[in-house]
């Protein structure tokens, strides 16, 4: 069974700080190496191949929210799936 790692951050930010965080995430995706850390929590992921994207935006009762999800399979998992397809 594969090991599981997780990083989560929730907090307040100015629009500029939020934009800077999103830019750092975008740079990591482009570089195919994205490190996220806060205190002793840290995770590095390696986005590669085709990425699945989901973007949701909503506004209700004067509150707005944007949710962005990006997912992909690790290269070794993609290779295993490709081998399984050959059967």
Protein backbone atom coordinates (compact mmCIF):
# COMPACT_ATOMS: atom_id res chain seq x y z
CA UNK A 1 0.00 0.00 0.00
CA UNK A 2 1.37 3.44 -0.92
CA UNK A 3 2.23 5.91 1.80
CA UNK A 4 -0.10 8.84 2.24
CA UNK A 5 1.02 12.40 2.86
CA UNK A 6 -1.09 15.49 3.26
CA UNK A 7 -0.64 19.24 3.66
CA UNK A 8 -3.44 21.62 4.49
CA UNK A 9 -3.48 25.36 5.10
CA UNK A 10 -6.40 27.54 6.08
CA UNK A 11 -6.06 31.15 7.11
CA UNK A 12 -6.58 34.79 6.23
CA UNK A 13 -4.69 36.59 3.47
CA UNK A 14 -4.88 39.85 1.59
CA UNK A 15 -5.76 39.65 -2.12
CA UNK A 16 -2.07 40.29 -2.88
CA UNK A 17 -0.92 37.49 -0.55
CA UNK A 18 -3.46 35.08 -2.04
CA UNK A 19 -2.31 35.97 -5.56
CA UNK A 20 1.34 35.45 -4.55
CA UNK A 21 0.50 31.99 -3.16
CA UNK A 22 -1.34 31.06 -6.37
CA UNK A 23 1.63 32.31 -8.44
CA UNK A 24 4.02 30.12 -6.40
CA UNK A 25 1.73 27.14 -6.98
CA UNK A 26 1.61 27.91 -10.72
CA UNK A 27 5.40 28.15 -10.86
CA UNK A 28 5.71 24.77 -9.12
CA UNK A 29 3.29 23.18 -11.59
CA UNK A 30 5.26 24.61 -14.52
CA UNK A 31 8.51 23.35 -12.99
CA UNK A 32 6.89 19.95 -12.31
CA UNK A 33 8.03 20.18 -8.67
CA UNK A 34 5.78 21.89 -6.15
CA UNK A 35 6.78 22.17 -2.49
CA UNK A 36 4.34 23.38 0.14
CA UNK A 37 5.29 23.93 3.76
CA UNK A 38 4.11 25.54 6.98
CA UNK A 39 6.12 25.06 10.13
CA UNK A 40 7.17 21.42 10.26
CA UNK A 41 4.55 20.29 7.75
CA UNK A 42 5.95 19.90 4.26
CA UNK A 43 5.05 18.07 1.08
CA UNK A 44 6.59 18.05 -2.38
CA UNK A 45 4.53 16.81 -5.31
CA UNK A 46 5.55 16.35 -8.93
CA UNK A 47 2.78 17.35 -11.34
CA UNK A 48 3.31 15.74 -14.71
CA UNK A 49 1.35 14.43 -17.66
CA UNK A 50 -2.25 15.43 -18.17
CA UNK A 51 -3.69 17.28 -15.20
CA UNK A 52 -7.38 17.10 -14.31
CA UNK A 53 -8.70 20.53 -13.31
CA UNK A 54 -11.86 21.56 -11.54
CA UNK A 55 -12.74 25.19 -10.90
CA UNK A 56 -15.85 26.28 -9.03
CA UNK A 57 -16.95 29.80 -8.20
CA UNK A 58 -20.00 30.83 -6.22
CA UNK A 59 -21.52 33.86 -4.58
CA UNK A 60 -24.25 33.60 -1.95
CA UNK A 61 -25.56 36.20 0.48
CA UNK A 62 -22.68 38.58 -0.18
CA UNK A 63 -19.96 35.92 0.24
CA UNK A 64 -17.93 34.69 -2.70
CA UNK A 65 -15.77 31.59 -2.98
CA UNK A 66 -13.47 30.05 -5.58
CA UNK A 67 -12.35 26.43 -5.28
CA UNK A 68 -9.59 25.05 -7.47
CA UNK A 69 -8.63 21.38 -7.60
CA UNK A 70 -5.84 19.95 -9.74
CA UNK A 71 -5.12 16.22 -9.81
CA UNK A 72 -2.81 13.84 -11.67
CA UNK A 73 -1.37 10.36 -11.42
CA UNK A 74 2.25 9.94 -10.41
CA UNK A 75 4.44 8.84 -13.32
CA UNK A 76 5.08 5.36 -11.87
CA UNK A 77 1.32 4.90 -11.32
CA UNK A 78 0.62 5.95 -14.93
CA UNK A 79 3.21 3.44 -16.17
CA UNK A 80 1.57 0.68 -14.09
CA UNK A 81 -1.85 1.58 -15.54
CA UNK A 82 -0.38 1.46 -19.06
CA UNK A 83 1.10 -1.99 -18.37
CA UNK A 84 -2.26 -3.21 -17.05
CA UNK A 85 -3.91 -2.01 -20.27
CA UNK A 86 -1.64 -4.33 -22.27
CA UNK A 87 -3.17 -7.42 -20.61
